[in-house]
Amino acid sequence: MENSEHVIGVDAMAHETRKCCIYRVPFDLRTLNENAYTPKVVSIGPFHHNTLPRLFNMERHKRSYCNAFLQRTQTTSDTWIRYIQSVEPEFRLCYSETLHFSKEEMITRIMENGERVIDIEAEVQKAEAPVTPECCIYRVPFEIRRVNENAYTPNVVSIGPYHHKTLPRLLNMQRHKLYYCKTVLERTRTASASWIQFIGKMEPQIRCCYSDTLNFSTEELVQTIFVDSGFILELFLRCHEAERKGSWSSDDVCLSKPWLRTSIRQDMLLLENQVPFFVLHNLYARFFTTTSNEGDNNNNIIQLAIQYFDSYNHSKLEFDNEISISHFTDLIRTFHPPPPKPNRQLSDATGLSEPDVVKELEAQLPSVTELSEAGMKFEVSENKYLVDLKFEKPVLKIPKLIVDDVTEILFRNMVALEQCHYQGDQSHISDYVQIMDFLVNTSTDVDFLVRKRILINLLGDSNSVAKLFNGLCNNILVPDDSSSSYSGLLKELNGFYQNRWNKWKWTLRHEYCKDPWKIAGTTAAILLLTLALVQTICSVLQVKLQ
């Protein structure tokens, strides 16, 4: 009888396990591509709960949405949790693995006697919108960052909280930052207490500028911003003074060494390595006098910033003091304004809706070599705006681009900023990167653009340049509608390429009229064919006359 009951129990268990529908991916499959089975930003269910640091930040969003849902349904979390408690044994059977969660943990830490939820209820009720309109400094999304970690990580100096004391190689610069901070206090004849108190008043607003939850106390965050802001302001002023004098002080370790000077500048353009610009603006306005013998540029923080990053302003555009920027990555993006509106227009010639047109063009846009074979000509544009490509049949004019060691870092961080912060037709840098990815497929395309002086290849290796352009769009979300800055241009290029007459003209010119001998041979062949045709016609006419 006991055996019989045991068999029935096992049978019942086997029957229940048929409800299993959520599985761990088998080890052999998972090892082929871990990323294909692992969440990027949000964990759902128990398998990945609190397993990866990159998933933690979304917990704030989940609590905020949970709170909003309770308000939408006019219910309480206690009601929901009691219901989940009643079905907990059933949904536990849906998972293929034994879940190492107690019943209390499984039902969001409900107490065994079914009384009011403590932890999760409090967390949900106090949940607020995790990202506010003030947010402008982001962690680069995992999918984008993993393509090239180094493009988003500082090498010598950390700015702001994200990389503060995270890497050993960044610790040495703390001494330099503190020294610059001391110097800026001496320059302004102020005390650190005044700066810290002033920054403390801005602390809530500063905290809102970062997309991630900052595990810094108010005091820690204020001190970090104080040291980094003091360092930046003193750095800008020293660079301004060196620019005026035409030489760098040999006593300044940071500025007298070219490699360190360059590395600091590169680190300060990274999206994750920022302080809000309004902090620098307010500090400068508060602690620096408006009358100065340092020169006019010294009286405005935006001009000091533009001067410091001038080497990235390849178009040498001039800006007034009224431009609005969120931080230095945003300033670099401002150096490359969007193209004018005409490039965005689409005609109805295809008979497709605008979203369909863009999708169609994205799938078909040829490379520069293929376009050239279709008869298109390429010229370097004299336009200052890097992203302003123009097509004047049959000539595509592309502004000159210098490709060097920092090009990838620049574009990756500007694109990451647009992916996180800007919407729709504001993502013109992402659109530019995409169209260059279309145009440049191989080293042959690179060499072609170099010959046309459109690309200045300072990397030396054409394959490296092609790889750079082909990799910039990896894991980048490109709009599938007509908001692309180049919707009209894409359509025109594709239409030109699809025109058979253009291809025939190119083939005739390059295959049969390439040099004098080929011209002579082609002419002779045409003449012989013409004579043969005339002879045939005459023969036919003669037969008819007889």
Protein backbone atom coordinates (compact mmCIF):
# COMPACT_ATOMS: atom_id res chain seq x y z
CA MET A 1 0.00 0.00 0.00
CA GLU A 2 2.83 2.36 0.95
CA ASN A 3 4.61 1.52 -2.31
CA SER A 4 1.43 2.19 -4.17
CA GLU A 5 1.02 5.59 -2.53
CA HIS A 6 4.67 6.37 -3.27
CA VAL A 7 4.15 5.55 -6.96
CA ILE A 8 1.06 7.73 -7.03
CA GLY A 9 3.06 10.56 -5.44
CA VAL A 10 5.82 10.24 -8.03
CA ASP A 11 3.21 10.06 -10.77
CA ALA A 12 1.57 13.19 -9.47
CA MET A 13 4.92 14.96 -9.37
CA ALA A 14 5.70 13.86 -12.93
CA HIS A 15 2.33 15.15 -14.02
CA GLU A 16 2.94 18.52 -12.38
CA THR A 17 6.34 18.92 -13.99
CA ARG A 18 4.67 18.84 -17.38
CA LYS A 19 3.84 22.46 -16.65
CA CYS A 20 7.51 23.30 -17.06
CA CYS A 21 7.96 25.78 -19.91
CA ILE A 22 10.87 28.04 -18.90
CA TYR A 23 14.30 26.45 -19.26
CA ARG A 24 17.95 27.11 -18.70
CA VAL A 25 19.62 26.96 -22.10
CA PRO A 26 21.73 23.75 -22.22
CA PHE A 27 25.41 24.34 -21.53
CA ASP A 28 26.64 23.20 -24.97
CA LEU A 29 24.28 25.61 -26.71
CA ARG A 30 24.97 28.50 -24.36
CA THR A 31 28.76 28.27 -24.75
CA LEU A 32 28.43 28.88 -28.50
CA ASN A 33 27.19 32.41 -27.82
CA GLU A 34 26.60 33.46 -24.22
CA ASN A 35 25.26 36.87 -25.19
CA ALA A 36 22.44 35.38 -27.25
CA TYR A 37 20.84 33.98 -24.09
CA THR A 38 21.70 36.64 -21.50
CA PRO A 39 19.61 39.79 -20.89
CA LYS A 40 21.28 43.08 -21.75
CA VAL A 41 19.45 45.58 -19.54
CA VAL A 42 16.54 44.01 -17.65
CA SER A 43 16.03 40.71 -15.81
CA ILE A 44 12.60 39.08 -15.83
CA GLY A 45 11.92 36.14 -13.55
CA PRO A 46 14.29 34.38 -11.15
CA PHE A 47 17.03 32.97 -13.42
CA HIS A 48 18.86 36.28 -13.87
CA HIS A 49 17.59 38.11 -10.79
CA ASN A 50 20.47 40.11 -9.24
CA THR A 51 23.09 38.17 -11.22
CA LEU A 52 24.73 40.86 -13.36
CA PRO A 53 25.67 44.43 -12.36
CA ARG A 54 24.43 45.84 -15.67
CA LEU A 55 20.90 44.68 -14.81
CA PHE A 56 20.70 46.43 -11.44
CA ASN A 57 19.90 49.89 -12.77
CA MET A 58 16.63 48.73 -14.35
CA GLU A 59 15.31 47.74 -10.92
CA ARG A 60 14.50 51.43 -10.37
CA HIS A 61 12.53 51.51 -13.60
CA LYS A 62 10.68 48.32 -12.70
CA ARG A 63 9.64 49.70 -9.30
CA SER A 64 8.55 52.97 -10.89
CA TYR A 65 6.44 51.13 -13.49
CA CYS A 66 5.04 48.86 -10.79
CA ASN A 67 3.96 51.88 -8.76
CA ALA A 68 2.39 53.48 -11.85
CA PHE A 69 0.53 50.24 -12.63
CA LEU A 70 -0.91 50.05 -9.11
CA GLN A 71 -2.17 53.61 -9.48
CA ARG A 72 -3.60 52.83 -12.93
CA THR A 73 -5.53 49.80 -11.58
CA GLN A 74 -6.38 51.52 -8.27
CA THR A 75 -5.11 48.54 -6.28
CA THR A 76 -2.45 47.93 -3.65
CA SER A 77 0.65 45.81 -3.80
CA ASP A 78 -0.72 43.78 -0.87
CA THR A 79 -3.62 42.59 -3.04
CA TRP A 80 -1.33 41.52 -5.86
CA ILE A 81 1.12 39.77 -3.58
CA ARG A 82 -1.63 37.82 -1.82
CA TYR A 83 -2.82 36.59 -5.21
CA ILE A 84 0.69 35.63 -6.29
CA GLN A 85 1.10 33.82 -2.97
CA SER A 86 -1.91 31.66 -3.76
CA VAL A 87 -0.49 30.50 -7.10
CA GLU A 88 3.19 30.34 -6.08
CA PRO A 89 3.42 26.51 -6.08
CA GLU A 90 2.02 26.43 -9.61
CA PHE A 91 4.32 28.97 -11.20
CA ARG A 92 7.34 27.48 -9.42
CA LEU A 93 6.74 24.34 -11.48
CA CYS A 94 7.07 26.36 -14.70
CA TYR A 95 10.85 26.59 -14.24
CA SER A 96 13.09 23.71 -15.26
CA GLU A 97 15.59 24.23 -12.43
CA THR A 98 15.15 24.14 -8.71
CA LEU A 99 14.77 27.75 -7.66
CA HIS A 100 16.88 28.66 -4.67
CA PHE A 101 14.32 31.16 -3.48
CA SER A 102 12.29 30.73 -0.34
CA LYS A 103 8.57 31.20 -0.64
CA GLU A 104 8.96 34.59 0.99
CA GLU A 105 11.60 35.64 -1.52
CA MET A 106 9.60 34.22 -4.38
CA ILE A 107 6.61 36.31 -3.38
CA THR A 108 8.65 39.45 -2.88
CA ARG A 109 9.46 38.82 0.78
CA ILE A 110 5.97 38.32 2.09
CA MET A 111 5.86 37.33 5.74
CA GLU A 112 4.67 33.77 6.33
CA ASN A 113 1.56 34.87 8.20
CA GLY A 114 0.41 36.79 5.14
CA GLU A 115 0.53 40.18 6.84
CA ARG A 116 1.39 43.44 5.07
CA VAL A 117 4.42 43.41 2.79
CA ILE A 118 7.32 45.31 4.32
CA ASP A 119 10.28 45.75 1.98
CA ILE A 120 8.79 45.68 -1.49
CA GLU A 121 5.70 47.72 -0.54
CA ALA A 122 7.87 50.51 0.82
CA GLU A 123 10.13 50.40 -2.23
CA VAL A 124 7.23 50.53 -4.67
CA GLN A 125 5.41 53.32 -2.86
CA LYS A 126 8.44 55.59 -2.77
CA ALA A 127 9.43 54.81 -6.37
CA GLU A 128 9.89 57.86 -8.58
CA ALA A 129 10.68 58.33 -12.24
CA PRO A 130 14.25 56.96 -12.47
CA VAL A 131 15.24 59.24 -15.36
CA THR A 132 14.22 62.89 -15.23
CA PRO A 133 14.26 65.50 -18.02
CA GLU A 134 17.49 66.85 -16.51
CA CYS A 135 19.29 63.56 -17.21
CA CYS A 136 22.07 64.01 -19.78
CA ILE A 137 25.03 61.84 -18.65
CA TYR A 138 24.55 58.15 -19.37
CA ARG A 139 26.14 54.79 -18.93
CA VAL A 140 26.77 53.53 -22.45
CA PRO A 141 24.29 50.67 -23.07
CA PHE A 142 25.84 47.21 -22.70
CA GLU A 143 25.23 46.16 -26.32
CA ILE A 144 26.98 49.27 -27.64
CA ARG A 145 29.79 49.25 -25.07
CA ARG A 146 30.82 45.63 -25.59
CA VAL A 147 31.72 46.29 -29.24
CA ASN A 148 34.71 48.34 -28.05
CA GLU A 149 35.03 48.82 -24.27
CA ASN A 150 38.10 51.02 -24.59
CA ALA A 151 36.27 53.65 -26.63
CA TYR A 152 34.11 54.52 -23.61
CA THR A 153 36.56 54.06 -20.73
CA PRO A 154 39.03 56.75 -19.57
CA ASN A 155 42.73 55.97 -19.79
CA VAL A 156 44.32 58.47 -17.41
CA VAL A 157 41.74 60.66 -15.67
CA SER A 158 38.25 60.08 -14.28
CA ILE A 159 35.72 62.90 -14.36
CA GLY A 160 32.46 62.58 -12.47
CA PRO A 161 31.18 59.65 -10.41
CA TYR A 162 30.92 56.79 -12.93
CA HIS A 163 34.65 55.98 -13.08
CA HIS A 164 35.67 57.51 -9.76
CA LYS A 165 38.33 55.23 -8.22
CA THR A 166 37.24 52.28 -10.36
CA LEU A 167 40.49 51.55 -12.21
CA PRO A 168 44.03 51.51 -10.76
CA ARG A 169 45.41 53.39 -13.77
CA LEU A 170 43.18 56.37 -12.95
CA LEU A 171 44.30 56.77 -9.35
CA ASN A 172 47.59 58.51 -10.11
CA MET A 173 45.81 61.52 -11.61
CA GLN A 174 44.07 62.18 -8.29
CA ARG A 175 47.25 63.91 -7.10
CA HIS A 176 47.26 66.17 -10.14
CA LYS A 177 43.56 66.93 -9.74
CA LEU A 178 44.02 67.90 -6.09
CA TYR A 179 47.01 70.10 -6.98
CA TYR A 180 45.03 71.86 -9.72
CA CYS A 181 42.17 72.27 -7.26
CA LYS A 182 44.53 73.93 -4.78
CA THR A 183 45.85 76.21 -7.53
CA VAL A 184 42.38 77.31 -8.62
CA LEU A 185 41.55 78.22 -5.02
CA GLU A 186 44.70 80.33 -4.86
CA ARG A 187 43.86 81.89 -8.21
CA THR A 188 40.39 82.92 -7.01
CA ARG A 189 41.51 83.64 -3.42
CA THR A 190 38.71 81.52 -2.05
CA ALA A 191 38.42 78.62 0.38
CA SER A 192 37.34 75.09 -0.45
CA ALA A 193 34.49 75.41 2.05
CA SER A 194 32.90 78.11 -0.10
CA TRP A 195 33.05 75.91 -3.20
CA ILE A 196 31.73 72.84 -1.38
CA GLN A 197 28.86 74.82 0.11
CA PHE A 198 27.99 76.28 -3.30
CA ILE A 199 28.12 72.85 -4.99
CA GLY A 200 26.09 71.36 -2.14
CA LYS A 201 23.15 73.58 -3.08
CA MET A 202 23.24 72.11 -6.60
CA GLU A 203 23.67 68.48 -5.44
CA PRO A 204 20.05 67.32 -6.07
CA GLN A 205 20.14 68.81 -9.57
CA ILE A 206 23.58 67.29 -10.23
CA ARG A 207 22.39 63.84 -9.14
CA CYS A 208 19.45 64.07 -11.55
CA CYS A 209 21.86 64.54 -14.47
CA TYR A 210 23.13 60.93 -14.20
CA SER A 211 21.11 58.05 -15.59
CA ASP A 212 22.37 55.48 -13.07
CA THR A 213 21.68 55.40 -9.36
CA LEU A 214 24.78 56.93 -7.75
CA ASN A 215 25.99 55.03 -4.72
CA PHE A 216 27.48 58.21 -3.31
CA SER A 217 26.38 60.02 -0.21
CA THR A 218 25.65 63.73 -0.64
CA GLU A 219 29.01 64.56 0.90
CA GLU A 220 30.91 62.12 -1.35
CA LEU A 221 29.23 63.37 -4.52
CA VAL A 222 29.82 67.03 -3.64
CA GLN A 223 33.50 66.39 -2.91
CA THR A 224 33.95 64.45 -6.16
CA ILE A 225 32.31 67.21 -8.21
CA PHE A 226 34.37 69.85 -6.38
CA VAL A 227 37.72 68.22 -7.14
CA ASP A 228 36.83 67.42 -10.76
CA SER A 229 35.36 70.87 -11.45
CA GLY A 230 38.34 72.63 -9.90
CA PHE A 231 40.67 70.49 -12.00
CA ILE A 232 38.78 71.26 -15.23
CA LEU A 233 38.64 75.01 -14.63
CA GLU A 234 42.34 75.25 -13.79
CA LEU A 235 43.19 73.05 -16.78
CA PHE A 236 41.21 75.31 -19.12
CA LEU A 237 42.86 78.44 -17.75
CA ARG A 238 46.37 77.00 -18.02
CA CYS A 239 45.73 75.93 -21.60
CA HIS A 240 44.39 79.39 -22.36
CA GLU A 241 47.51 80.99 -20.88
CA ALA A 242 49.79 78.62 -22.81
CA GLU A 243 47.91 79.46 -26.01
CA ARG A 244 48.52 83.16 -25.45
CA LYS A 245 52.18 82.68 -24.61
CA GLY A 246 52.77 80.16 -27.38
CA SER A 247 54.47 77.63 -25.09
CA TRP A 248 53.76 75.19 -22.27
CA SER A 249 55.25 75.59 -18.82
CA SER A 250 57.92 72.96 -18.17
CA ASP A 251 56.86 72.91 -14.51
CA ASP A 252 53.41 71.61 -15.39
CA VAL A 253 53.47 67.82 -15.55
CA CYS A 254 50.02 67.54 -17.14
CA LEU A 255 50.58 70.02 -19.94
CA SER A 256 54.30 69.74 -20.64
CA LYS A 257 54.02 66.10 -21.78
CA PRO A 258 52.25 65.87 -25.17
CA TRP A 259 51.03 62.29 -24.66
CA LEU A 260 49.45 63.12 -21.29
CA ARG A 261 47.97 66.35 -22.60
CA THR A 262 46.34 64.46 -25.47
CA SER A 263 45.12 61.59 -23.27
CA ILE A 264 43.46 63.97 -20.80
CA ARG A 265 41.65 65.75 -23.63
CA GLN A 266 40.45 62.44 -25.08
CA ASP A 267 39.23 61.22 -21.69
CA MET A 268 37.26 64.41 -21.16
CA LEU A 269 35.14 63.87 -24.27
CA LEU A 270 33.86 60.42 -23.18
CA LEU A 271 30.13 60.24 -22.44
CA GLU A 272 30.55 58.41 -19.13
CA ASN A 273 33.33 60.76 -18.00
CA GLN A 274 31.45 64.02 -17.50
CA VAL A 275 30.22 66.58 -15.02
CA PRO A 276 27.16 68.68 -15.94
CA PHE A 277 28.23 71.82 -17.76
CA PHE A 278 25.93 74.04 -15.70
CA VAL A 279 28.08 73.23 -12.65
CA LEU A 280 31.20 74.60 -14.36
CA HIS A 281 29.24 77.58 -15.66
CA ASN A 282 27.87 78.45 -12.21
CA LEU A 283 31.21 77.96 -10.45
CA TYR A 284 32.99 80.14 -12.98
CA ALA A 285 30.36 82.87 -12.71
CA ARG A 286 30.46 82.73 -8.91
CA PHE A 287 34.17 82.54 -8.15
CA PHE A 288 35.89 84.25 -11.07
CA THR A 289 35.74 88.01 -11.46
CA THR A 290 34.39 89.46 -14.70
CA THR A 291 37.37 91.79 -15.00
CA SER A 292 40.55 89.96 -15.77
CA ASN A 293 43.89 90.60 -17.37
CA GLU A 294 43.86 87.09 -18.83
CA GLY A 295 42.15 88.13 -22.07
CA ASP A 296 38.56 88.24 -23.28
CA ASN A 297 38.21 84.46 -23.69
CA ASN A 298 38.99 84.10 -20.01
CA ASN A 299 35.71 85.80 -19.16
CA ASN A 300 33.49 83.05 -20.53
CA ILE A 301 33.61 79.36 -19.66
CA ILE A 302 32.02 78.28 -22.94
CA GLN A 303 34.77 79.98 -24.95
CA LEU A 304 37.42 78.37 -22.75
CA ALA A 305 35.83 74.97 -23.41
CA ILE A 306 35.64 75.59 -27.17
CA GLN A 307 39.28 76.68 -27.20
CA TYR A 308 40.35 73.60 -25.22
CA PHE A 309 38.58 71.18 -27.58
CA ASP A 310 39.44 73.16 -30.71
CA SER A 311 41.48 70.27 -32.16
CA TYR A 312 38.20 68.33 -32.56
CA ASN A 313 36.50 71.25 -34.29
CA HIS A 314 37.86 70.25 -37.71
CA SER A 315 35.44 72.53 -39.54
CA LYS A 316 36.63 75.49 -37.43
CA LEU A 317 33.08 76.65 -36.85
CA GLU A 318 32.67 79.68 -34.63
CA PHE A 319 30.15 79.80 -31.78
CA ASP A 320 28.79 82.61 -29.68
CA ASN A 321 28.48 82.56 -25.92
CA GLU A 322 24.81 81.63 -26.03
CA ILE A 323 25.10 78.05 -27.27
CA SER A 324 23.56 75.51 -24.92
CA ILE A 325 25.43 72.30 -24.09
CA SER A 326 24.93 69.64 -21.44
CA HIS A 327 28.56 68.55 -21.16
CA PHE A 328 31.72 68.14 -23.26
CA THR A 329 30.48 65.17 -25.32
CA ASP A 330 27.55 67.35 -26.27
CA LEU A 331 29.98 70.16 -27.18
CA ILE A 332 31.89 67.86 -29.55
CA ARG A 333 28.56 66.94 -31.17
CA THR A 334 27.75 70.66 -31.47
CA PHE A 335 30.90 71.03 -33.60
CA HIS A 336 29.03 68.96 -36.23
CA PRO A 337 25.58 70.54 -36.76
CA PRO A 338 22.89 68.69 -38.76
CA PRO A 339 22.55 69.04 -42.54
CA PRO A 340 19.98 71.47 -43.92
CA LYS A 341 16.41 70.34 -44.44
CA PRO A 342 16.52 69.56 -48.22
CA ASN A 343 18.41 66.30 -47.61
CA ARG A 344 15.47 65.07 -45.56
CA GLN A 345 12.85 65.38 -48.30
CA LEU A 346 11.38 62.37 -50.09
CA SER A 347 9.50 62.41 -53.37
CA ASP A 348 6.63 60.10 -54.21
CA ALA A 349 8.30 58.71 -57.33
CA THR A 350 8.57 55.20 -55.94
CA GLY A 351 4.93 54.92 -54.95
CA LEU A 352 5.99 53.71 -51.50
CA SER A 353 5.24 55.29 -48.16
CA GLU A 354 8.16 57.13 -46.59
CA PRO A 355 9.01 54.41 -44.04
CA ASP A 356 8.95 51.80 -46.82
CA VAL A 357 11.23 53.95 -48.97
CA VAL A 358 13.84 54.22 -46.24
CA LYS A 359 13.76 50.49 -45.47
CA GLU A 360 14.09 49.71 -49.18
CA LEU A 361 17.02 52.08 -49.58
CA GLU A 362 18.80 50.82 -46.51
CA ALA A 363 18.76 47.34 -47.96
CA GLN A 364 20.10 48.42 -51.36
CA LEU A 365 22.42 51.41 -50.98
CA PRO A 366 25.65 50.53 -52.83
CA SER A 367 29.25 51.34 -51.94
CA VAL A 368 31.28 54.16 -53.51
CA THR A 369 32.98 51.67 -55.85
CA GLU A 370 29.63 50.39 -57.11
CA LEU A 371 28.26 53.92 -57.45
CA SER A 372 31.36 54.93 -59.38
CA GLU A 373 30.86 52.01 -61.75
CA ALA A 374 27.33 53.28 -62.34
CA GLY A 375 28.76 56.60 -63.51
CA MET A 376 28.58 58.62 -60.31
CA LYS A 377 31.39 61.09 -59.65
CA PHE A 378 32.77 62.03 -56.25
CA GLU A 379 34.18 65.35 -55.14
CA VAL A 380 35.34 66.75 -51.82
CA SER A 381 32.87 69.37 -50.63
CA GLU A 382 34.05 72.78 -49.53
CA ASN A 383 31.20 72.88 -47.05
CA LYS A 384 32.30 73.32 -43.43
CA TYR A 385 29.62 71.00 -42.12
CA LEU A 386 30.98 67.46 -41.88
CA VAL A 387 27.60 65.76 -42.18
CA ASP A 388 26.30 67.85 -45.11
CA LEU A 389 26.49 65.48 -48.10
CA LYS A 390 25.01 66.79 -51.34
CA PHE A 391 24.13 65.05 -54.59
CA GLU A 392 24.15 67.20 -57.73
CA LYS A 393 23.75 64.68 -60.55
CA PRO A 394 26.03 63.00 -61.33
CA VAL A 395 28.32 64.33 -58.56
CA LEU A 396 28.16 63.35 -54.88
CA LYS A 397 29.92 65.97 -52.77
CA ILE A 398 31.22 64.75 -49.41
CA PRO A 399 32.97 66.98 -46.86
CA LYS A 400 36.53 66.04 -45.99
CA LEU A 401 37.02 63.72 -43.02
CA ILE A 402 40.32 63.21 -41.23
CA VAL A 403 40.58 59.65 -39.92
CA ASP A 404 43.07 59.27 -37.08
CA ASP A 405 43.48 57.46 -33.75
CA VAL A 406 40.73 59.43 -32.03
CA THR A 407 38.11 59.29 -34.82
CA GLU A 408 36.51 56.09 -33.55
CA ILE A 409 36.34 57.38 -29.97
CA LEU A 410 34.74 60.64 -31.12
CA PHE A 411 32.06 59.01 -33.25
CA ARG A 412 31.29 56.20 -30.82
CA ASN A 413 30.66 58.60 -27.93
CA MET A 414 28.62 61.04 -30.02
CA VAL A 415 26.52 58.16 -31.35
CA ALA A 416 26.09 56.74 -27.83
CA LEU A 417 24.88 60.17 -26.66
CA GLU A 418 22.35 60.32 -29.49
CA GLN A 419 21.15 56.78 -28.81
CA CYS A 420 20.53 57.62 -25.15
CA HIS A 421 19.49 61.27 -25.23
CA TYR A 422 18.29 62.49 -28.63
CA GLN A 423 15.28 61.35 -30.59
CA GLY A 424 14.25 60.96 -34.23
CA ASP A 425 15.61 63.61 -36.56
CA GLN A 426 18.05 64.87 -33.91
CA SER A 427 20.35 61.88 -34.38
CA HIS A 428 22.24 63.26 -37.37
CA ILE A 429 25.63 61.87 -36.26
CA SER A 430 24.17 58.35 -36.15
CA ASP A 431 22.69 58.94 -39.61
CA TYR A 432 26.07 60.13 -40.93
CA VAL A 433 27.83 57.09 -39.51
CA GLN A 434 25.25 54.85 -41.13
CA ILE A 435 25.58 56.37 -44.60
CA MET A 436 29.39 56.17 -44.38
CA ASP A 437 29.02 52.51 -43.41
CA PHE A 438 26.97 52.01 -46.58
CA LEU A 439 29.47 53.84 -48.79
CA VAL A 440 32.60 52.21 -47.35
CA ASN A 441 32.61 48.42 -47.43
CA THR A 442 36.19 47.47 -48.26
CA SER A 443 39.71 48.88 -48.46
CA THR A 444 39.02 49.53 -52.17
CA ASP A 445 36.32 52.01 -51.19
CA VAL A 446 38.69 53.67 -48.72
CA ASP A 447 41.44 53.99 -51.34
CA PHE A 448 38.93 55.49 -53.78
CA LEU A 449 37.86 58.18 -51.29
CA VAL A 450 41.48 58.87 -50.35
CA ARG A 451 42.31 59.48 -54.03
CA LYS A 452 39.41 61.94 -54.17
CA ARG A 453 40.79 63.69 -51.04
CA ILE A 454 37.50 63.04 -49.27
CA LEU A 455 39.23 60.88 -46.65
CA ILE A 456 42.56 61.85 -45.11
CA ASN A 457 43.84 58.51 -43.85
CA LEU A 458 46.20 59.09 -40.93
CA LEU A 459 45.82 55.48 -39.78
CA GLY A 460 47.78 54.34 -42.82
CA ASP A 461 46.04 51.00 -43.28
CA SER A 462 42.99 51.13 -45.54
CA ASN A 463 41.62 47.91 -44.06
CA SER A 464 41.63 49.53 -40.60
CA VAL A 465 39.61 52.47 -41.91
CA ALA A 466 37.08 50.17 -43.60
CA LYS A 467 36.79 48.13 -40.41
CA LEU A 468 36.28 51.33 -38.42
CA PHE A 469 33.32 52.48 -40.54
CA ASN A 470 31.82 48.98 -40.71
CA GLY A 471 31.95 48.64 -36.92
CA LEU A 472 30.53 52.01 -35.87
CA CYS A 473 26.94 50.92 -36.55
CA ASN A 474 27.18 47.61 -34.71
CA ASN A 475 24.29 47.33 -32.23
CA ILE A 476 23.15 50.86 -33.08
CA LEU A 477 19.41 51.33 -33.42
CA VAL A 478 18.75 53.13 -36.71
CA PRO A 479 15.28 54.70 -37.16
CA ASP A 480 13.09 52.74 -39.57
CA ASP A 481 11.18 55.82 -40.69
CA SER A 482 11.77 58.99 -42.65
CA SER A 483 13.35 60.80 -39.69
CA SER A 484 16.80 59.99 -41.08
CA SER A 485 18.77 63.10 -42.00
CA TYR A 486 19.57 61.53 -45.37
CA SER A 487 16.21 60.10 -46.44
CA GLY A 488 16.11 62.13 -49.64
CA LEU A 489 19.79 61.60 -50.40
CA LEU A 490 19.52 57.82 -49.96
CA LYS A 491 16.64 57.71 -52.39
CA GLU A 492 18.50 59.77 -55.01
CA LEU A 493 21.68 57.68 -54.78
CA ASN A 494 19.76 54.46 -55.06
CA GLY A 495 17.72 55.78 -57.98
CA PHE A 496 20.89 56.81 -59.83
CA TYR A 497 22.45 53.40 -59.25
CA GLN A 498 19.37 51.54 -60.47
CA ASN A 499 19.29 53.53 -63.74
CA ARG A 500 20.58 51.10 -66.42
CA TRP A 501 21.52 53.88 -68.82
CA ASN A 502 24.05 55.20 -66.30
CA LYS A 503 25.65 51.75 -66.08
CA TRP A 504 25.77 51.38 -69.85
CA LYS A 505 27.44 54.77 -70.24
CA TRP A 506 30.03 53.82 -67.62
CA THR A 507 30.70 50.46 -69.29
CA LEU A 508 31.09 52.08 -72.70
CA ARG A 509 33.41 54.75 -71.37
CA HIS A 510 35.63 52.50 -69.23
CA GLU A 511 35.60 49.24 -71.16
CA TYR A 512 35.65 50.45 -74.77
CA CYS A 513 36.94 54.04 -74.65
CA LYS A 514 39.57 53.78 -71.95
CA ASP A 515 42.61 54.62 -74.14
CA PRO A 516 43.35 55.54 -77.81
CA TRP A 517 43.88 51.90 -78.88
CA LYS A 518 40.55 50.83 -77.39
CA ILE A 519 38.84 53.84 -78.96
CA ALA A 520 40.33 52.91 -82.35
CA GLY A 521 39.34 49.26 -81.92
CA THR A 522 35.82 50.18 -80.82
CA THR A 523 35.45 52.63 -83.71
CA ALA A 524 36.68 50.02 -86.21
CA ALA A 525 34.29 47.42 -84.81
CA ILE A 526 31.36 49.84 -85.06
CA LEU A 527 32.39 50.76 -88.62
CA LEU A 528 32.62 47.09 -89.64
CA LEU A 529 29.23 46.36 -88.09
CA THR A 530 27.76 49.37 -89.88
CA LEU A 531 29.23 48.30 -93.23
CA ALA A 532 28.02 44.73 -92.70
CA LEU A 533 24.55 46.03 -91.89
CA VAL A 534 24.53 48.26 -95.00
CA GLN A 535 25.69 45.33 -97.14
CA THR A 536 22.94 43.12 -95.72
CA ILE A 537 20.29 45.76 -96.39
CA CYS A 538 21.55 46.24 -99.96
CA SER A 539 21.46 42.48 -100.57
CA VAL A 540 17.88 42.25 -99.31
CA LEU A 541 16.79 45.18 -101.46
CA GLN A 542 18.51 43.68 -104.52
CA VAL A 543 16.68 40.37 -104.05
CA LYS A 544 13.34 42.16 -103.74
CA LEU A 545 13.97 44.22 -106.89
CA GLN A 546 14.68 41.06 -108.90
